[in-house]
Amino acid sequence: MMDKYHQCQALLTALEAALRQAGVWETDAPTPTALASTAPFAVDTLTGGQWLQWIFLPRMNALVSAQAPLPDQFVISPYLEEALNGHAGCDAVLAVTRQLDALLGACEELKAKK
């Protein structure tokens, strides 16, 4: 059985693939100012897909690579359900984020919804 770090890495890889397949993956990074947002999910400067690609994935990959403590009480899917609503391919992205929520200690309420 895979440990939490290996499971997380597999899901991060799957998330990148889902973003690429959904056509959300971008080749040009947002501006440094946009990336420096302090708002939750950088909602004031980035789309949900941009936040996943340019902030979430790099930070999570760094934690996994360093085997640093992973976040707990982790829930990103409700935000992404709203942010990616109506975007083609978002179901595949959300399927992966829900697995990440479950793996990284999402609140019991969210687990009960599954």
N, C-alpha and C. Protein backbone atom coordinates (compact mmCIF):
# COMPACT_ATOMS: atom_id res chain seq x y z
N MET A 1 0.84 -1.19 0.00
CA MET A 1 0.00 0.00 0.00
C MET A 1 0.88 1.25 0.00
N MET A 2 0.49 2.24 -0.77
CA MET A 2 1.27 3.47 -0.87
C MET A 2 1.08 4.32 0.38
N ASP A 3 2.16 4.99 0.79
CA ASP A 3 2.03 5.91 1.91
C ASP A 3 1.37 7.21 1.42
N LYS A 4 1.08 8.07 2.37
CA LYS A 4 0.34 9.29 2.05
C LYS A 4 1.09 10.16 1.04
N TYR A 5 2.43 10.22 1.14
CA TYR A 5 3.20 11.03 0.20
C TYR A 5 3.11 10.49 -1.22
N HIS A 6 3.19 9.17 -1.37
CA HIS A 6 3.09 8.59 -2.70
C HIS A 6 1.68 8.75 -3.26
N GLN A 7 0.67 8.59 -2.41
CA GLN A 7 -0.71 8.79 -2.85
C GLN A 7 -0.91 10.24 -3.29
N CYS A 8 -0.38 11.17 -2.50
CA CYS A 8 -0.52 12.58 -2.83
C CYS A 8 0.18 12.90 -4.14
N GLN A 9 1.39 12.38 -4.33
CA GLN A 9 2.12 12.63 -5.57
C GLN A 9 1.36 12.09 -6.78
N ALA A 10 0.79 10.91 -6.64
CA ALA A 10 0.01 10.32 -7.73
C ALA A 10 -1.20 11.20 -8.05
N LEU A 11 -1.86 11.73 -7.04
CA LEU A 11 -3.01 12.59 -7.27
C LEU A 11 -2.60 13.93 -7.87
N LEU A 12 -1.47 14.48 -7.46
CA LEU A 12 -0.99 15.73 -8.04
C LEU A 12 -0.66 15.54 -9.53
N THR A 13 -0.08 14.41 -9.86
CA THR A 13 0.21 14.10 -11.27
C THR A 13 -1.10 13.96 -12.04
N ALA A 14 -2.08 13.29 -11.44
CA ALA A 14 -3.39 13.12 -12.09
C ALA A 14 -4.09 14.47 -12.25
N LEU A 15 -3.91 15.35 -11.27
CA LEU A 15 -4.53 16.68 -11.36
C LEU A 15 -3.93 17.48 -12.50
N GLU A 16 -2.62 17.44 -12.65
CA GLU A 16 -2.00 18.14 -13.77
C GLU A 16 -2.51 17.59 -15.10
N ALA A 17 -2.59 16.27 -15.21
CA ALA A 17 -3.09 15.66 -16.45
C ALA A 17 -4.54 16.08 -16.73
N ALA A 18 -5.36 16.13 -15.68
CA ALA A 18 -6.76 16.53 -15.86
C ALA A 18 -6.87 17.98 -16.29
N LEU A 19 -6.03 18.85 -15.72
CA LEU A 19 -6.02 20.26 -16.11
C LEU A 19 -5.60 20.41 -17.57
N ARG A 20 -4.59 19.66 -17.98
CA ARG A 20 -4.14 19.72 -19.37
C ARG A 20 -5.23 19.22 -20.31
N GLN A 21 -5.85 18.10 -19.95
CA GLN A 21 -6.89 17.53 -20.81
C GLN A 21 -8.11 18.45 -20.89
N ALA A 22 -8.40 19.16 -19.81
CA ALA A 22 -9.55 20.08 -19.80
C ALA A 22 -9.25 21.38 -20.55
N GLY A 23 -8.00 21.55 -20.96
CA GLY A 23 -7.62 22.77 -21.67
C GLY A 23 -7.45 23.97 -20.77
N VAL A 24 -7.24 23.72 -19.49
CA VAL A 24 -7.09 24.79 -18.50
C VAL A 24 -5.62 25.13 -18.30
N TRP A 25 -4.73 24.22 -18.64
CA TRP A 25 -3.28 24.40 -18.43
C TRP A 25 -2.78 25.54 -19.30
N GLU A 26 -1.98 26.43 -18.73
CA GLU A 26 -1.47 27.59 -19.46
C GLU A 26 0.04 27.51 -19.62
N THR A 27 0.54 28.08 -20.70
CA THR A 27 1.98 28.08 -20.92
C THR A 27 2.65 29.31 -20.33
N ASP A 28 1.92 30.40 -20.20
CA ASP A 28 2.49 31.63 -19.65
C ASP A 28 2.02 31.84 -18.22
N ALA A 29 2.98 32.07 -17.34
CA ALA A 29 2.65 32.31 -15.93
C ALA A 29 1.96 33.66 -15.76
N PRO A 30 1.07 33.74 -14.77
CA PRO A 30 0.49 35.05 -14.44
C PRO A 30 1.60 35.99 -13.96
N THR A 31 1.29 37.25 -13.86
CA THR A 31 2.28 38.23 -13.41
C THR A 31 2.68 37.94 -11.96
N PRO A 32 3.87 38.37 -11.56
CA PRO A 32 4.27 38.20 -10.17
C PRO A 32 3.27 38.84 -9.19
N THR A 33 2.69 39.96 -9.59
CA THR A 33 1.69 40.62 -8.74
C THR A 33 0.47 39.72 -8.55
N ALA A 34 0.01 39.10 -9.62
CA ALA A 34 -1.14 38.20 -9.52
C ALA A 34 -0.83 37.01 -8.63
N LEU A 35 0.38 36.48 -8.75
CA LEU A 35 0.79 35.33 -7.94
C LEU A 35 0.99 35.69 -6.47
N ALA A 36 1.20 36.96 -6.19
CA ALA A 36 1.46 37.40 -4.82
C ALA A 36 0.18 37.69 -4.03
N SER A 37 -0.96 37.45 -4.61
CA SER A 37 -2.23 37.71 -3.93
C SER A 37 -2.26 37.02 -2.57
N THR A 38 -2.84 37.71 -1.60
CA THR A 38 -2.99 37.11 -0.27
C THR A 38 -4.43 36.65 -0.03
N ALA A 39 -5.30 36.84 -1.01
CA ALA A 39 -6.69 36.39 -0.87
C ALA A 39 -6.73 34.87 -0.95
N PRO A 40 -7.68 34.25 -0.24
CA PRO A 40 -7.81 32.80 -0.36
C PRO A 40 -7.98 32.39 -1.82
N PHE A 41 -7.23 31.37 -2.24
CA PHE A 41 -7.25 30.87 -3.62
C PHE A 41 -6.89 31.96 -4.64
N ALA A 42 -6.33 33.07 -4.17
CA ALA A 42 -5.98 34.19 -5.05
C ALA A 42 -7.17 34.59 -5.93
N VAL A 43 -8.38 34.55 -5.34
CA VAL A 43 -9.59 34.80 -6.12
C VAL A 43 -9.63 36.19 -6.75
N ASP A 44 -8.87 37.11 -6.19
CA ASP A 44 -8.87 38.47 -6.74
C ASP A 44 -7.98 38.63 -7.96
N THR A 45 -7.10 37.66 -8.23
CA THR A 45 -6.16 37.82 -9.34
C THR A 45 -6.06 36.61 -10.27
N LEU A 46 -6.49 35.42 -9.83
CA LEU A 46 -6.32 34.21 -10.63
C LEU A 46 -7.63 33.46 -10.80
N THR A 47 -7.75 32.73 -11.89
CA THR A 47 -8.87 31.80 -12.05
C THR A 47 -8.59 30.56 -11.21
N GLY A 48 -9.59 29.72 -11.05
CA GLY A 48 -9.39 28.48 -10.30
C GLY A 48 -8.31 27.60 -10.93
N GLY A 49 -8.32 27.50 -12.24
CA GLY A 49 -7.30 26.71 -12.94
C GLY A 49 -5.90 27.29 -12.76
N GLN A 50 -5.80 28.61 -12.84
CA GLN A 50 -4.49 29.25 -12.63
C GLN A 50 -3.99 29.00 -11.21
N TRP A 51 -4.88 29.11 -10.24
CA TRP A 51 -4.47 28.88 -8.85
C TRP A 51 -3.95 27.46 -8.68
N LEU A 52 -4.67 26.49 -9.26
CA LEU A 52 -4.20 25.10 -9.17
C LEU A 52 -2.83 24.95 -9.82
N GLN A 53 -2.67 25.48 -11.01
CA GLN A 53 -1.43 25.29 -11.77
C GLN A 53 -0.25 26.04 -11.17
N TRP A 54 -0.44 27.29 -10.83
CA TRP A 54 0.70 28.15 -10.49
C TRP A 54 0.97 28.29 -9.00
N ILE A 55 0.00 27.95 -8.16
CA ILE A 55 0.22 28.07 -6.71
C ILE A 55 0.09 26.71 -6.03
N PHE A 56 -1.06 26.06 -6.18
CA PHE A 56 -1.32 24.82 -5.47
C PHE A 56 -0.35 23.70 -5.85
N LEU A 57 -0.26 23.38 -7.14
CA LEU A 57 0.59 22.26 -7.56
C LEU A 57 2.07 22.47 -7.18
N PRO A 58 2.66 23.64 -7.45
CA PRO A 58 4.07 23.80 -7.04
C PRO A 58 4.28 23.68 -5.53
N ARG A 59 3.38 24.26 -4.75
CA ARG A 59 3.54 24.18 -3.29
C ARG A 59 3.37 22.76 -2.78
N MET A 60 2.36 22.07 -3.28
CA MET A 60 2.13 20.69 -2.84
C MET A 60 3.25 19.76 -3.31
N ASN A 61 3.72 19.94 -4.53
CA ASN A 61 4.83 19.12 -5.01
C ASN A 61 6.08 19.35 -4.16
N ALA A 62 6.31 20.59 -3.74
CA ALA A 62 7.47 20.89 -2.89
C ALA A 62 7.33 20.20 -1.53
N LEU A 63 6.14 20.22 -0.96
CA LEU A 63 5.92 19.55 0.33
C LEU A 63 6.15 18.04 0.20
N VAL A 64 5.61 17.46 -0.86
CA VAL A 64 5.76 16.02 -1.06
C VAL A 64 7.23 15.66 -1.28
N SER A 65 7.92 16.44 -2.11
CA SER A 65 9.34 16.16 -2.39
C SER A 65 10.19 16.22 -1.13
N ALA A 66 9.88 17.18 -0.28
CA ALA A 66 10.63 17.35 0.97
C ALA A 66 10.12 16.43 2.08
N GLN A 67 9.04 15.73 1.82
CA GLN A 67 8.34 14.94 2.82
C GLN A 67 8.07 15.79 4.07
N ALA A 68 7.70 17.03 3.79
CA ALA A 68 7.32 17.97 4.85
C ALA A 68 5.88 17.66 5.28
N PRO A 69 5.48 18.17 6.43
CA PRO A 69 4.09 17.92 6.85
C PRO A 69 3.10 18.41 5.80
N LEU A 70 2.14 17.56 5.50
CA LEU A 70 1.10 17.91 4.53
C LEU A 70 -0.05 18.60 5.26
N PRO A 71 -0.78 19.45 4.56
CA PRO A 71 -1.91 20.13 5.22
C PRO A 71 -2.96 19.14 5.68
N ASP A 72 -3.67 19.52 6.72
CA ASP A 72 -4.83 18.73 7.12
C ASP A 72 -6.03 19.66 7.20
N GLN A 73 -7.18 19.12 7.45
CA GLN A 73 -8.42 19.92 7.37
C GLN A 73 -8.47 20.64 6.03
N PHE A 74 -8.20 19.89 5.02
CA PHE A 74 -7.96 20.37 3.67
C PHE A 74 -9.22 20.21 2.83
N VAL A 75 -9.73 21.31 2.29
CA VAL A 75 -10.92 21.24 1.43
C VAL A 75 -10.78 22.30 0.33
N ILE A 76 -10.57 21.85 -0.91
CA ILE A 76 -10.50 22.80 -2.03
C ILE A 76 -11.61 22.59 -3.05
N SER A 77 -12.23 21.42 -3.02
CA SER A 77 -13.22 21.10 -4.05
C SER A 77 -14.43 22.03 -4.07
N PRO A 78 -15.00 22.42 -2.93
CA PRO A 78 -16.15 23.32 -3.02
C PRO A 78 -15.84 24.62 -3.76
N TYR A 79 -14.67 25.20 -3.52
CA TYR A 79 -14.28 26.41 -4.25
C TYR A 79 -14.14 26.10 -5.74
N LEU A 80 -13.48 25.01 -6.07
CA LEU A 80 -13.24 24.69 -7.47
C LEU A 80 -14.51 24.30 -8.21
N GLU A 81 -15.46 23.70 -7.50
CA GLU A 81 -16.75 23.41 -8.13
C GLU A 81 -17.37 24.70 -8.65
N GLU A 82 -17.26 25.75 -7.86
CA GLU A 82 -17.80 27.06 -8.27
C GLU A 82 -16.92 27.71 -9.33
N ALA A 83 -15.62 27.70 -9.10
CA ALA A 83 -14.68 28.40 -10.00
C ALA A 83 -14.64 27.77 -11.39
N LEU A 84 -14.81 26.46 -11.48
CA LEU A 84 -14.71 25.76 -12.76
C LEU A 84 -16.08 25.40 -13.33
N ASN A 85 -17.13 25.87 -12.69
CA ASN A 85 -18.49 25.54 -13.10
C ASN A 85 -18.70 25.85 -14.59
N GLY A 86 -19.17 24.86 -15.31
CA GLY A 86 -19.47 25.05 -16.72
C GLY A 86 -18.28 24.90 -17.65
N HIS A 87 -17.09 24.74 -17.11
CA HIS A 87 -15.90 24.59 -17.95
C HIS A 87 -15.80 23.14 -18.41
N ALA A 88 -15.61 22.94 -19.69
CA ALA A 88 -15.46 21.58 -20.23
C ALA A 88 -14.31 20.87 -19.53
N GLY A 89 -14.54 19.65 -19.14
CA GLY A 89 -13.49 18.86 -18.51
C GLY A 89 -13.35 19.06 -17.02
N CYS A 90 -14.18 19.92 -16.45
CA CYS A 90 -14.01 20.20 -15.02
C CYS A 90 -14.35 19.00 -14.15
N ASP A 91 -15.19 18.10 -14.63
CA ASP A 91 -15.54 16.93 -13.83
C ASP A 91 -14.32 16.07 -13.50
N ALA A 92 -13.43 15.91 -14.46
CA ALA A 92 -12.21 15.13 -14.23
C ALA A 92 -11.30 15.83 -13.22
N VAL A 93 -11.21 17.14 -13.31
CA VAL A 93 -10.41 17.92 -12.36
C VAL A 93 -11.00 17.77 -10.96
N LEU A 94 -12.30 17.92 -10.85
CA LEU A 94 -12.96 17.83 -9.56
C LEU A 94 -12.88 16.43 -8.96
N ALA A 95 -12.89 15.42 -9.79
CA ALA A 95 -12.75 14.05 -9.29
C ALA A 95 -11.41 13.90 -8.56
N VAL A 96 -10.37 14.51 -9.09
CA VAL A 96 -9.05 14.43 -8.46
C VAL A 96 -9.01 15.29 -7.21
N THR A 97 -9.55 16.51 -7.26
CA THR A 97 -9.50 17.37 -6.07
C THR A 97 -10.29 16.77 -4.92
N ARG A 98 -11.37 16.08 -5.23
CA ARG A 98 -12.14 15.41 -4.15
C ARG A 98 -11.31 14.30 -3.51
N GLN A 99 -10.53 13.60 -4.31
CA GLN A 99 -9.65 12.56 -3.75
C GLN A 99 -8.56 13.19 -2.88
N LEU A 100 -8.04 14.33 -3.31
CA LEU A 100 -7.06 15.04 -2.48
C LEU A 100 -7.69 15.51 -1.17
N ASP A 101 -8.91 16.03 -1.25
CA ASP A 101 -9.62 16.44 -0.03
C ASP A 101 -9.73 15.27 0.94
N ALA A 102 -10.10 14.12 0.43
CA ALA A 102 -10.27 12.94 1.28
C ALA A 102 -8.93 12.48 1.86
N LEU A 103 -7.90 12.48 1.05
CA LEU A 103 -6.58 12.03 1.50
C LEU A 103 -5.99 12.94 2.56
N LEU A 104 -6.17 14.23 2.38
CA LEU A 104 -5.49 15.19 3.24
C LEU A 104 -6.37 15.71 4.39
N GLY A 105 -7.27 14.88 4.83
CA GLY A 105 -7.98 15.19 6.06
C GLY A 105 -9.10 16.17 5.95
N ALA A 106 -9.85 16.11 4.86
CA ALA A 106 -11.00 17.00 4.73
C ALA A 106 -11.93 16.80 5.91
N CYS A 107 -12.69 17.80 6.19
CA CYS A 107 -13.61 17.72 7.32
C CYS A 107 -14.57 16.55 7.15
N GLU A 108 -15.05 16.02 8.24
CA GLU A 108 -15.93 14.86 8.23
C GLU A 108 -17.19 15.11 7.41
N GLU A 109 -17.69 16.34 7.41
CA GLU A 109 -18.87 16.71 6.66
C GLU A 109 -18.70 16.39 5.17
N LEU A 110 -17.55 16.78 4.63
CA LEU A 110 -17.28 16.55 3.21
C LEU A 110 -17.16 15.05 2.93
N LYS A 111 -16.48 14.32 3.83
CA LYS A 111 -16.32 12.88 3.64
C LYS A 111 -17.69 12.20 3.63
N ALA A 112 -18.59 12.70 4.46
CA ALA A 112 -19.92 12.09 4.55
C ALA A 112 -20.72 12.29 3.26
N LYS A 113 -20.43 13.35 2.50
CA LYS A 113 -21.14 13.65 1.25
C LYS A 113 -20.78 12.67 0.13
N LYS A 114 -19.64 12.00 0.25
CA LYS A 114 -19.17 11.13 -0.84
C LYS A 114 -20.05 9.97 -1.08
